[in-house]
Protein backbone atom coordinates (compact mmCIF):
# COMPACT_ATOMS: atom_id res chain seq x y z
CA MET A 1 75.08 59.49 28.86
CA PHE A 2 75.19 61.43 32.17
CA GLU A 3 72.33 59.57 33.88
CA SER A 4 74.60 57.14 35.59
CA ALA A 5 76.55 60.22 36.97
CA GLU A 6 73.47 61.61 38.74
CA ILE A 7 73.49 58.89 41.40
CA GLY A 8 75.89 60.50 43.82
CA ARG A 9 78.28 57.63 44.40
CA THR A 10 80.56 57.86 47.38
CA ILE A 11 83.58 56.06 48.98
CA ASP A 12 84.22 56.21 52.69
CA LYS A 13 87.40 57.68 54.03
CA ALA A 14 88.64 54.36 55.39
CA THR A 15 88.38 52.76 52.04
CA PHE A 16 90.18 55.64 50.35
CA GLU A 17 92.99 55.65 52.88
CA ALA A 18 93.39 51.87 52.51
CA GLU A 19 93.65 52.00 48.69
CA GLU A 20 95.52 55.27 48.17
CA PRO A 21 99.15 54.14 49.07
CA ALA A 22 99.21 51.29 46.56
CA LEU A 23 97.52 53.29 43.80
CA ARG A 24 99.90 56.18 44.36
CA GLU A 25 102.92 53.90 44.23
CA ALA A 26 101.65 52.10 41.07
CA LEU A 27 100.93 55.44 39.29
CA LEU A 28 104.43 56.70 40.12
CA GLU A 29 106.04 53.46 38.85
CA ALA A 30 103.99 53.74 35.61
CA GLN A 31 105.09 57.38 35.27
CA TYR A 32 108.79 56.51 35.55
CA GLU A 33 108.33 53.58 33.17
CA LEU A 34 106.71 56.04 30.75
CA LYS A 35 109.69 58.25 30.95
CA GLN A 36 112.04 55.24 30.58
CA GLN A 37 110.46 53.80 27.52
CA ALA A 38 109.82 57.25 25.98
CA ARG A 39 107.66 55.58 23.27
CA PHE A 40 104.52 57.81 23.46
CA PRO A 41 103.15 60.90 25.13
CA VAL A 42 100.12 61.00 27.48
CA ILE A 43 97.51 63.74 26.93
CA VAL A 44 94.85 64.17 29.58
CA LEU A 45 91.81 66.48 28.65
CA ILE A 46 89.83 67.87 31.55
CA ASN A 47 86.30 69.02 31.05
CA GLY A 48 82.99 69.06 32.67
CA VAL A 49 80.73 70.95 35.14
CA GLU A 50 82.13 73.72 37.31
CA GLY A 51 82.60 72.64 40.93
CA ALA A 52 82.89 68.89 40.04
CA GLY A 53 86.47 68.66 41.24
CA LYS A 54 88.53 69.15 38.08
CA GLY A 55 91.13 71.25 39.67
CA GLU A 56 91.27 69.36 42.94
CA THR A 57 91.73 66.10 41.11
CA VAL A 58 94.69 67.34 38.96
CA LYS A 59 96.16 68.85 42.05
CA LEU A 60 96.03 65.48 43.70
CA LEU A 61 97.54 63.71 40.74
CA ASN A 62 100.46 66.09 41.00
CA GLU A 63 100.92 65.08 44.54
CA TRP A 64 100.66 61.34 43.74
CA MET A 65 102.96 61.47 40.86
CA ASP A 66 106.14 63.37 39.88
CA PRO A 67 105.03 66.90 38.93
CA ARG A 68 108.26 67.43 37.09
CA LEU A 69 107.10 65.01 34.46
CA ILE A 70 103.62 66.60 34.05
CA GLN A 71 102.88 69.75 32.21
CA VAL A 72 99.49 71.39 33.11
CA SER A 73 98.26 73.87 30.45
CA THR A 74 95.18 76.01 30.53
CA PHE A 75 93.64 77.67 27.54
CA ASP A 76 90.76 79.76 28.98
CA ILE A 77 91.96 83.14 27.67
CA GLN A 78 93.64 83.57 24.37
CA THR A 79 96.65 85.74 24.27
CA ASP A 80 97.41 88.23 21.55
CA GLU A 81 99.96 85.86 20.25
CA GLU A 82 97.44 83.03 19.95
CA LEU A 83 94.74 85.29 18.46
CA ALA A 84 97.14 86.13 15.64
CA ARG A 85 97.42 82.54 14.55
CA PRO A 86 95.20 79.53 13.55
CA PRO A 87 93.16 78.21 16.61
CA ALA A 88 94.94 74.89 16.83
CA TRP A 89 98.44 76.53 17.15
CA ARG A 90 97.96 77.11 20.89
CA TYR A 91 97.36 73.38 21.48
CA TRP A 92 100.05 72.00 19.17
CA ARG A 93 102.77 74.07 20.85
CA GLN A 94 101.90 72.70 24.30
CA LEU A 95 101.88 69.00 23.29
CA PRO A 96 103.99 66.89 25.67
CA PRO A 97 106.91 64.94 24.08
CA LYS A 98 107.17 61.22 24.31
CA GLY A 99 107.66 60.00 27.71
CA ARG A 100 105.81 62.90 29.40
CA MET A 101 102.16 63.74 30.46
CA GLY A 102 100.27 66.93 29.46
CA VAL A 103 97.09 67.93 31.28
CA PHE A 104 94.82 70.38 29.20
CA PHE A 105 92.35 72.56 30.98
CA GLY A 106 90.13 74.72 28.69
CA ASN A 107 91.00 72.53 25.73
CA TRP A 108 89.34 72.33 22.24
CA TYR A 109 86.23 70.90 23.73
CA SER A 110 85.81 73.68 26.20
CA GLN A 111 86.13 76.33 23.52
CA MET A 112 83.44 74.75 21.26
CA LEU A 113 81.14 74.02 24.13
CA GLN A 114 81.20 77.54 25.64
CA GLY A 115 80.84 79.09 22.21
CA ARG A 116 77.65 76.94 21.53
CA VAL A 117 76.19 77.51 25.11
CA HIS A 118 76.53 81.26 24.76
CA GLY A 119 74.99 81.31 21.23
CA GLU A 120 78.08 82.34 19.33
CA PHE A 121 77.33 79.76 16.61
CA LYS A 122 74.68 77.06 15.73
CA ASP A 123 74.86 73.25 15.68
CA ALA A 124 76.23 73.14 12.24
CA VAL A 125 79.41 74.99 13.30
CA LEU A 126 79.58 72.93 16.53
CA ASP A 127 79.53 69.85 14.38
CA GLN A 128 82.31 71.05 12.26
CA SER A 129 84.35 71.71 15.36
CA ILE A 130 83.53 68.20 16.64
CA ASP A 131 84.76 66.77 13.32
CA GLY A 132 88.07 68.75 13.60
CA ALA A 133 88.59 67.54 17.16
CA GLU A 134 88.03 63.90 15.94
CA ARG A 135 90.65 64.34 13.21
CA LEU A 136 93.13 65.97 15.60
CA GLU A 137 92.72 63.15 18.11
CA ARG A 138 92.97 60.43 15.48
CA MET A 139 96.20 61.80 14.19
CA LEU A 140 97.69 62.18 17.63
CA CYS A 141 96.71 58.48 18.36
CA ASP A 142 98.11 57.39 15.05
CA GLU A 143 101.33 59.09 15.96
CA GLY A 144 101.32 57.07 19.28
CA ALA A 145 99.79 59.44 21.82
CA LEU A 146 97.68 57.97 24.61
CA ILE A 147 94.68 60.17 25.24
CA PHE A 148 92.41 60.19 28.37
CA LYS A 149 89.35 62.36 28.19
CA PHE A 150 87.56 63.08 31.58
CA TRP A 151 84.21 64.75 32.02
CA PHE A 152 83.52 65.60 35.71
CA HIS A 153 79.93 65.74 36.24
CA LEU A 154 77.55 67.21 38.92
CA SER A 155 73.81 66.96 38.76
CA LYS A 156 71.90 70.30 38.81
CA LYS A 157 70.65 69.49 42.37
CA HIS A 158 74.20 68.88 43.61
CA MET A 159 75.61 71.88 41.88
CA LYS A 160 73.00 74.25 43.48
CA ALA A 161 73.53 72.67 46.82
CA ARG A 162 77.29 73.26 46.65
CA LEU A 163 76.82 76.92 45.67
CA GLU A 164 74.42 77.55 48.47
CA ALA A 165 76.68 75.83 51.07
CA LEU A 166 79.69 77.88 50.00
CA LYS A 167 77.82 81.10 49.81
CA GLU A 168 76.79 80.69 53.47
CA ASP A 169 80.38 79.78 54.57
CA PRO A 170 82.41 82.98 55.08
CA LEU A 171 85.66 80.93 55.15
CA HIS A 172 85.01 79.23 51.87
CA SER A 173 82.77 81.68 49.88
CA TRP A 174 85.84 82.88 47.95
CA ARG A 175 85.85 79.46 46.15
CA ILE A 176 82.82 80.49 44.15
CA SER A 177 83.93 81.96 40.81
CA PRO A 178 81.88 84.09 38.47
CA LEU A 179 82.06 81.03 36.04
CA ASP A 180 80.30 78.86 38.71
CA TRP A 181 77.38 81.43 38.87
CA GLN A 182 77.21 81.74 35.13
CA GLN A 183 77.16 78.04 34.59
CA SER A 184 74.37 77.58 37.22
CA LYS A 185 72.14 79.65 34.85
CA THR A 186 73.13 77.86 31.73
CA TYR A 187 73.41 74.39 33.17
CA ASP A 188 70.79 72.62 31.00
CA LYS A 189 72.36 74.04 27.82
CA PHE A 190 75.86 73.12 28.96
CA VAL A 191 74.86 69.54 29.73
CA ARG A 192 72.81 69.11 26.57
CA HIS A 193 75.45 70.32 24.24
CA GLY A 194 78.20 68.61 26.35
CA GLU A 195 76.35 65.30 25.90
CA ARG A 196 76.24 65.82 22.10
CA ILE A 197 79.99 66.39 21.96
CA LEU A 198 80.73 63.31 24.14
CA ARG A 199 78.40 61.12 22.10
CA ARG A 200 80.16 62.19 18.88
CA THR A 201 83.73 61.98 20.01
CA SER A 202 84.03 58.94 22.33
CA ARG A 203 86.06 56.54 20.21
CA ASP A 204 88.03 53.36 21.04
CA TYR A 205 91.29 55.21 20.50
CA ALA A 206 90.26 58.27 22.68
CA PRO A 207 87.18 57.31 24.96
CA TRP A 208 85.47 59.65 27.24
CA TYR A 209 85.29 58.87 31.03
CA VAL A 210 82.37 60.41 32.88
CA VAL A 211 83.37 60.78 36.61
CA GLU A 212 80.94 61.69 39.35
CA GLY A 213 82.25 64.78 41.19
CA VAL A 214 80.13 64.76 44.36
CA ASP A 215 82.47 62.89 46.51
CA HIS A 216 86.21 63.67 46.29
CA TYR A 217 87.30 60.22 47.51
CA TYR A 218 85.31 58.55 44.79
CA ARG A 219 86.37 60.81 41.94
CA SER A 220 90.06 60.65 43.09
CA LEU A 221 90.19 56.83 43.17
CA THR A 222 88.16 56.57 39.97
CA VAL A 223 90.54 58.88 37.95
CA GLY A 224 93.58 57.29 39.45
CA ARG A 225 92.40 53.72 38.61
CA ILE A 226 91.52 54.66 34.99
CA LEU A 227 94.95 56.34 34.38
CA LEU A 228 96.83 53.52 36.05
CA GLU A 229 94.93 50.78 33.93
CA GLY A 230 95.50 52.67 30.72
CA LEU A 231 99.13 53.40 31.35
CA GLN A 232 99.99 49.87 32.48
CA ALA A 233 98.23 48.41 29.30
CA ALA A 234 100.00 50.88 26.90
CA LEU A 235 103.40 50.35 28.49
CA ALA A 236 102.99 46.59 28.37
CA ASN A 237 102.15 46.63 24.65
CA PRO A 238 105.42 46.88 22.60
CA GLN A 239 103.40 47.54 19.42
CA ARG A 240 101.38 50.42 20.85
CA SER A 241 103.24 53.19 19.14
CA LYS A 242 103.50 51.26 15.80
CA LEU A 243 100.59 51.39 13.33
CA GLN A 244 99.08 48.31 11.87
CA PRO A 245 99.48 47.88 8.11
CA HIS A 246 96.91 49.84 6.19
CA SER A 247 93.95 47.81 4.97
CA ALA A 248 93.18 49.71 1.82
CA PRO A 249 95.01 48.66 -1.32
CA LEU A 250 97.64 50.94 -2.90
CA VAL A 251 96.39 52.91 -5.88
CA SER A 252 98.99 52.46 -8.71
CA SER A 253 100.88 55.80 -9.30
CA LEU A 254 101.47 54.90 -13.03
CA ASP A 255 98.81 57.31 -14.08
CA ASN A 256 100.62 60.11 -12.03
CA ARG A 257 104.00 59.26 -13.27
CA GLY A 258 103.44 61.40 -16.41
CA LEU A 259 102.63 64.53 -14.53
CA LEU A 260 106.16 65.87 -14.35
CA ALA A 261 106.98 64.51 -17.79
CA SER A 262 104.15 66.62 -19.26
CA LEU A 263 105.72 69.81 -18.09
CA ASP A 264 107.19 72.05 -20.83
CA MET A 265 110.75 72.23 -19.63
CA THR A 266 111.88 74.38 -22.64
CA GLN A 267 110.36 77.55 -21.15
CA THR A 268 113.08 80.28 -20.79
CA LEU A 269 113.49 83.99 -20.15
CA ASP A 270 116.34 85.99 -21.74
CA LYS A 271 118.46 88.03 -19.41
CA ASP A 272 116.75 91.47 -20.35
CA ASP A 273 113.24 90.15 -19.96
CA TYR A 274 114.15 88.40 -16.66
CA LYS A 275 115.61 91.71 -15.15
CA GLU A 276 112.52 93.59 -16.11
CA GLN A 277 109.90 90.99 -14.89
CA LEU A 278 111.85 90.23 -11.67
CA ALA A 279 111.91 93.86 -10.74
CA THR A 280 108.21 94.23 -11.54
CA GLU A 281 107.21 91.16 -9.48
CA GLN A 282 109.41 92.08 -6.62
CA ALA A 283 108.00 95.67 -6.46
CA ARG A 284 104.49 94.10 -6.58
CA LEU A 285 105.32 91.83 -3.73
CA SER A 286 106.80 94.58 -1.69
CA GLY A 287 103.65 96.62 -2.02
CA LEU A 288 101.32 93.79 -1.24
CA MET A 289 103.15 92.92 1.96
CA ARG A 290 102.78 96.52 3.10
CA ASP A 291 99.14 96.71 2.22
CA LYS A 292 96.95 97.20 5.26
CA ARG A 293 94.82 94.27 4.08
CA MET A 294 97.69 92.00 4.86
CA ARG A 295 97.03 92.64 8.54
CA LYS A 296 94.08 90.06 8.19
CA HIS A 297 96.43 87.39 6.70
CA ALA A 298 99.62 85.44 7.19
CA LEU A 299 101.62 84.12 4.20
CA ILE A 300 103.33 80.79 3.98
CA ALA A 301 105.31 79.47 1.00
CA ALA A 302 106.41 75.79 0.89
CA PHE A 303 109.17 75.02 -1.37
CA GLU A 304 109.81 71.44 -2.53
CA GLY A 305 111.65 70.13 -5.68
CA ASN A 306 114.37 68.01 -7.24
CA ASP A 307 117.85 68.36 -5.79
CA ALA A 308 119.57 71.24 -7.54
CA ALA A 309 116.29 72.59 -8.81
CA GLY A 310 117.10 76.10 -7.59
CA LYS A 311 114.87 76.42 -4.56
CA GLY A 312 117.65 78.56 -2.68
CA GLY A 313 117.94 80.90 -5.62
CA ALA A 314 114.10 81.34 -5.93
CA ILE A 315 113.79 81.97 -2.20
CA ARG A 316 116.53 84.71 -2.30
CA ARG A 317 114.63 86.57 -5.11
CA VAL A 318 111.54 86.48 -3.08
CA THR A 319 113.11 87.78 0.11
CA GLY A 320 115.05 90.33 -1.85
CA ALA A 321 111.82 92.25 -2.27
CA LEU A 322 111.18 92.42 1.44
CA ASP A 323 112.25 93.91 4.78
CA PRO A 324 114.01 91.09 6.77
CA ARG A 325 111.52 91.94 9.67
CA GLN A 326 108.61 90.84 7.45
CA TYR A 327 109.70 87.18 6.89
CA ARG A 328 111.32 84.18 8.36
CA ILE A 329 112.90 81.26 6.47
CA VAL A 330 112.59 77.80 8.13
CA PRO A 331 115.07 75.24 6.49
CA VAL A 332 113.79 71.71 7.05
CA ALA A 333 116.36 68.91 7.52
CA ALA A 334 116.29 65.64 9.39
CA PRO A 335 114.21 66.13 12.56
CA THR A 336 116.06 66.84 15.73
CA GLU A 337 115.75 64.74 18.87
CA GLU A 338 113.15 67.15 20.29
CA GLU A 339 111.06 66.96 17.10
CA ARG A 340 111.15 63.11 16.92
CA ALA A 341 109.54 63.22 20.36
CA GLN A 342 106.50 64.92 18.92
CA PRO A 343 103.89 64.17 16.06
CA TYR A 344 105.54 65.06 12.73
CA LEU A 345 103.41 68.09 12.12
CA TRP A 346 104.47 69.75 15.35
CA ARG A 347 107.70 71.09 14.04
CA PHE A 348 105.73 72.93 11.40
CA TRP A 349 102.86 74.11 13.65
CA ARG A 350 105.45 75.70 15.85
CA HIS A 351 106.70 78.02 12.94
CA ILE A 352 103.20 79.20 11.76
CA PRO A 353 103.50 82.99 11.30
CA ALA A 354 101.25 85.61 12.88
CA ARG A 355 99.11 87.85 10.77
CA GLY A 356 100.97 90.22 8.65
CA HIS A 357 104.12 88.01 8.57
CA PHE A 358 105.60 85.65 6.02
CA THR A 359 107.21 82.16 6.59
CA ILE A 360 109.12 80.39 3.83
CA PHE A 361 109.62 76.61 4.36
CA ASP A 362 112.61 75.35 2.44
CA ARG A 363 111.29 71.81 2.41
CA SER A 364 108.19 71.22 4.36
CA TRP A 365 105.77 68.74 5.90
CA TYR A 366 105.64 66.95 2.56
CA GLY A 367 108.69 65.23 3.48
CA ARG A 368 106.43 62.57 5.00
CA VAL A 369 105.07 61.62 1.56
CA LEU A 370 108.38 62.19 -0.25
CA VAL A 371 111.69 61.38 1.27
CA GLU A 372 110.28 59.40 4.19
CA ARG A 373 108.07 57.41 1.89
CA VAL A 374 110.90 56.71 -0.74
CA GLU A 375 113.64 56.11 1.79
CA GLY A 376 111.53 53.96 4.06
CA PHE A 377 111.81 56.26 7.05
CA CYS A 378 108.12 55.70 7.88
CA SER A 379 105.75 52.88 7.37
CA GLN A 380 103.29 52.60 4.46
CA ALA A 381 100.46 53.36 6.92
CA ASP A 382 102.28 56.52 8.04
CA TRP A 383 102.52 58.15 4.58
CA LEU A 384 99.24 56.85 3.35
CA ARG A 385 97.29 58.51 6.22
CA ALA A 386 99.49 61.64 5.98
CA TYR A 387 97.69 62.83 2.78
CA GLY A 388 94.40 63.30 4.73
CA GLU A 389 96.36 64.82 7.73
CA ILE A 390 98.20 67.24 5.55
CA ASN A 391 94.90 68.32 3.79
CA ASP A 392 93.28 68.87 7.19
CA PHE A 393 96.31 70.82 8.35
CA GLU A 394 96.20 73.12 5.33
CA GLU A 395 92.43 73.57 5.67
CA GLU A 396 92.94 74.80 9.20
CA LEU A 397 95.54 77.27 8.06
CA THR A 398 93.47 78.67 5.22
CA ASN A 399 90.29 78.81 7.44
CA ALA A 400 92.40 81.06 9.70
CA GLY A 401 93.34 83.48 6.93
CA VAL A 402 96.68 82.08 5.93
CA ILE A 403 97.63 82.51 2.34
CA LEU A 404 99.36 79.11 1.48
CA VAL A 405 101.38 78.63 -1.72
CA LYS A 406 103.20 75.36 -2.52
CA PHE A 407 105.80 74.98 -5.10
CA TRP A 408 107.38 71.94 -6.73
CA LEU A 409 110.47 72.96 -8.67
CA ALA A 410 111.10 70.50 -11.40
CA ILE A 411 114.16 69.87 -13.56
CA ASP A 412 114.90 66.96 -15.91
CA GLN A 413 117.66 64.41 -15.08
CA GLN A 414 120.25 65.70 -17.58
CA THR A 415 119.91 69.33 -16.04
CA GLN A 416 120.35 67.92 -12.62
CA LEU A 417 123.56 65.97 -13.70
CA GLU A 418 125.01 69.17 -15.20
CA ARG A 419 124.26 71.22 -12.09
CA PHE A 420 125.79 68.51 -9.81
CA LYS A 421 129.07 68.46 -11.85
CA GLU A 422 129.13 72.40 -11.75
CA ARG A 423 128.74 72.34 -8.00
CA GLU A 424 131.65 70.03 -7.69
CA GLN A 425 133.88 72.30 -9.71
CA ILE A 426 133.01 75.68 -8.09
CA PRO A 427 134.59 75.95 -4.62
CA PHE A 428 131.75 78.06 -2.97
CA LYS A 429 129.11 75.66 -4.30
CA ARG A 430 130.77 72.30 -3.08
CA PHE A 431 128.75 72.40 0.17
CA LYS A 432 125.66 72.08 -1.84
CA ILE A 433 126.52 68.58 -3.18
CA THR A 434 126.59 65.44 -1.06
CA GLU A 435 126.86 61.67 -1.62
CA GLU A 436 123.20 61.51 -0.75
CA ASP A 437 122.37 63.76 -3.63
CA TRP A 438 124.20 61.42 -5.99
CA ARG A 439 122.54 58.40 -4.41
CA ASN A 440 119.05 59.92 -4.75
CA ARG A 441 119.49 60.07 -8.58
CA ASP A 442 119.19 56.24 -8.52
CA LYS A 443 115.67 56.72 -7.10
CA TRP A 444 114.53 59.20 -9.70
CA ASP A 445 111.48 57.15 -10.83
CA ASP A 446 110.48 56.42 -7.13
CA TYR A 447 110.54 60.16 -6.40
CA ALA A 448 108.54 60.94 -9.59
CA ASP A 449 105.90 58.43 -8.45
CA ALA A 450 105.77 59.97 -4.97
CA VAL A 451 105.52 63.56 -6.46
CA GLY A 452 102.65 62.49 -8.69
CA ASP A 453 100.72 60.99 -5.90
CA MET A 454 101.47 63.95 -3.61
CA VAL A 455 100.08 66.42 -6.29
CA ASP A 456 97.14 64.18 -6.99
CA ARG A 457 96.07 63.81 -3.41
CA THR A 458 96.99 67.26 -1.91
CA SER A 459 96.46 69.78 -4.65
CA THR A 460 93.19 71.15 -3.38
CA GLU A 461 91.03 74.25 -4.20
CA ILE A 462 92.16 75.93 -1.08
CA ALA A 463 95.94 74.89 -1.30
CA PRO A 464 96.79 74.00 -4.99
CA TRP A 465 100.29 72.89 -6.01
CA THR A 466 102.17 75.08 -8.39
CA LEU A 467 104.56 73.12 -10.63
CA ILE A 468 107.51 75.21 -11.71
CA GLU A 469 109.46 74.48 -14.82
CA ALA A 470 112.97 75.05 -13.47
CA ASN A 471 115.37 74.06 -16.06
CA ASP A 472 115.76 77.71 -16.67
CA LYS A 473 116.38 79.40 -13.30
CA ARG A 474 115.34 82.87 -14.50
CA PHE A 475 112.00 81.52 -15.70
CA ALA A 476 111.46 79.63 -12.35
CA ARG A 477 112.23 82.63 -10.16
CA VAL A 478 109.73 85.00 -12.00
CA LYS A 479 106.99 82.34 -11.96
CA VAL A 480 107.49 81.77 -8.25
CA LEU A 481 107.21 85.54 -7.47
CA ARG A 482 104.23 85.94 -9.88
CA THR A 483 102.37 83.03 -8.11
CA ILE A 484 102.85 84.35 -4.69
CA ASN A 485 101.64 87.77 -5.90
CA GLU A 486 98.57 86.29 -7.44
CA ALA A 487 97.65 84.27 -4.41
CA ILE A 488 97.84 87.41 -2.15
CA GLU A 489 95.70 89.48 -4.55
CA ALA A 490 93.13 86.60 -4.71
CA ALA A 491 92.98 86.57 -1.03
CA PHE A 492 92.45 90.27 -0.81
CA ALA A 493 89.68 90.12 -3.38
CA ARG A 494 87.81 87.57 -1.24
CA ASP A 495 87.96 89.70 1.87
């Protein structure tokens, strides 16, 4: 893959100066059109051999284009804040919004490549990382992102010649970094494993571009041309940010429709038993959250359920056992303008807790396969692919030590009707009932189908769903607390 980049292509200064003004103007126009359309973001991944002109090229792009619309991020050294969260968190929080460009140095490829070169893991782990990168990029592209992946290459001969020339030049020897010398010793491994990564991850939706780095005129024009061609093609395609209809047939959800109907909704707790069991489970949760073993874990509870199923009351009983500094509640409503400019999982990644902390999502990422599906807020292709994307997301969380519990609080239609009427009669509860709640009752069967599919496709061994029989609020609250406690204890037992 790198053989063609060993030739040492060059462009003379006169050719560069003749072409640069037009290229620069066209790139700037494309950048402003990107901002104007605001249909998709642009992500540029910078990788390759040290000394091949990565930094110089990005610096030049900032000169050619409007730097206010380009966010350059580097991920070489992990901060304490990043170390306390799943690895992908640091990348998600830096994603550019629609209409902007983000340049990533030291990205997910740099991390996996350096780890393999220095023997931190074997090929099997590298292949797992490659698969994860592919899934991430496919999701970003499905959400509309335009991804450019550049590998800046130098042959071993050219790299050594550069280092020797700089070493002998007292005015420029400072440009040699410790990483340059280190890579000169591990060059063969770096290129071999780099080629494996590029081979496995160059896809039509996110291809790699290998750019010779010997001549700065050549590499600058090459990168500029690639960016311009890709940007112009994407901007001219009005369908670019819209997915094509999914080719796979829909699986009938009739078999899943009985899932909720099979729950025993008659389960109850009398008042005395409720008080005793609630106090027991709250004390248990309080102790578990203070346990030193919790320092290795974060805790996430995702609450979904029918309208008026008692999610708020259950959440209050959970938090009632804790110090407010230990938890955070994230209420999820319609996405804001900022959130609509990002892939839909972005607004959840940004709230992932650090180790030792607890985040409660009142509604969650499952909105994509529930309300967005039923109400037609996204395409069929969107919510069909979301099952796999959600499973990947939750696997990333659990692999990083996050304890994840997911609740569906279920009530029957009659109980919901009674609670709606009660809310309308009680002044301090009227804010809880809206016209939309009444309208959603007309789609009860559609939501039942969506819930059945959701549980069927996303209740995994690492992140199972817990269905809560919530006709009796007391029973539901205790079951929620007990489930959280059992999940924490199970995680401690695996440590």
